[in-house]
Amino acid sequence: MILNYEPGDKVTNPSNKEWGIGQVQSIINDKVTVNFENAGKKVINANNIELRKLGK
């Protein structure tokens, strides 16, 4: 699986819209660490949870 995220990208989690906008902190293998405005830091397995990248 190729992830099209890099640190600094803004993303949302369509399944948990209440988390708000998140910023990608790091990517290690399939684990994406995102700091969300309403939910704090989350480590997301990109194989199980879809993140939607926001336009720049």
Protein backbone atom coordinates (compact mmCIF):
# COMPACT_ATOMS: atom_id res chain seq x y z
CA MET A 1 0.00 0.00 0.00
CA ILE A 2 1.35 3.41 -0.96
CA LEU A 3 0.30 6.25 1.30
CA ASN A 4 0.00 9.68 -0.26
CA TYR A 5 0.50 11.56 3.01
CA GLU A 6 3.55 13.36 4.31
CA PRO A 7 4.20 15.23 7.56
CA GLY A 8 2.41 18.57 7.58
CA ASP A 9 -0.50 17.45 5.39
CA LYS A 10 -4.00 18.34 6.62
CA VAL A 11 -6.43 15.42 6.74
CA THR A 12 -9.86 14.44 8.03
CA ASN A 13 -11.27 11.10 9.10
CA PRO A 14 -14.65 10.75 7.33
CA SER A 15 -15.74 8.12 9.88
CA ASN A 16 -15.09 10.52 12.79
CA LYS A 17 -15.85 14.00 11.50
CA GLU A 18 -16.14 15.28 15.08
CA TRP A 19 -12.35 14.90 15.39
CA GLY A 20 -12.02 17.93 13.11
CA ILE A 21 -9.04 18.68 10.91
CA GLY A 22 -5.82 16.86 11.67
CA GLN A 23 -2.20 17.42 10.74
CA VAL A 24 0.00 14.45 9.86
CA GLN A 25 2.91 14.26 12.31
CA SER A 26 4.70 11.12 11.12
CA ILE A 27 4.33 7.98 9.02
CA ILE A 28 5.98 4.69 9.96
CA ASN A 29 5.04 1.77 7.72
CA ASP A 30 1.20 1.77 7.71
CA LYS A 31 0.88 3.82 10.92
CA VAL A 32 0.04 7.48 10.46
CA THR A 33 0.26 9.74 13.53
CA VAL A 34 -2.18 12.63 13.24
CA ASN A 35 -2.83 15.49 15.66
CA PHE A 36 -6.56 16.31 15.42
CA GLU A 37 -7.95 19.66 16.62
CA ASN A 38 -10.79 18.08 18.65
CA ALA A 39 -9.39 14.63 19.49
CA GLY A 40 -5.68 15.14 20.05
CA LYS A 41 -3.01 12.78 18.79
CA LYS A 42 -4.15 9.55 17.17
CA VAL A 43 -2.09 6.73 15.66
CA ILE A 44 -4.07 5.42 12.71
CA ASN A 45 -3.54 2.15 10.87
CA ALA A 46 -3.93 3.23 7.25
CA ASN A 47 -4.99 -0.31 6.30
CA ASN A 48 -8.11 -0.04 8.49
CA ILE A 49 -9.06 3.64 8.55
CA GLU A 50 -9.40 5.98 5.60
CA LEU A 51 -7.99 9.48 5.90
CA ARG A 52 -9.04 12.12 3.42
CA LYS A 53 -6.33 14.58 2.46
CA LEU A 54 -7.44 18.20 2.27
CA GLY A 55 -6.40 20.41 -0.63
CA LYS A 56 -3.53 22.80 -0.04
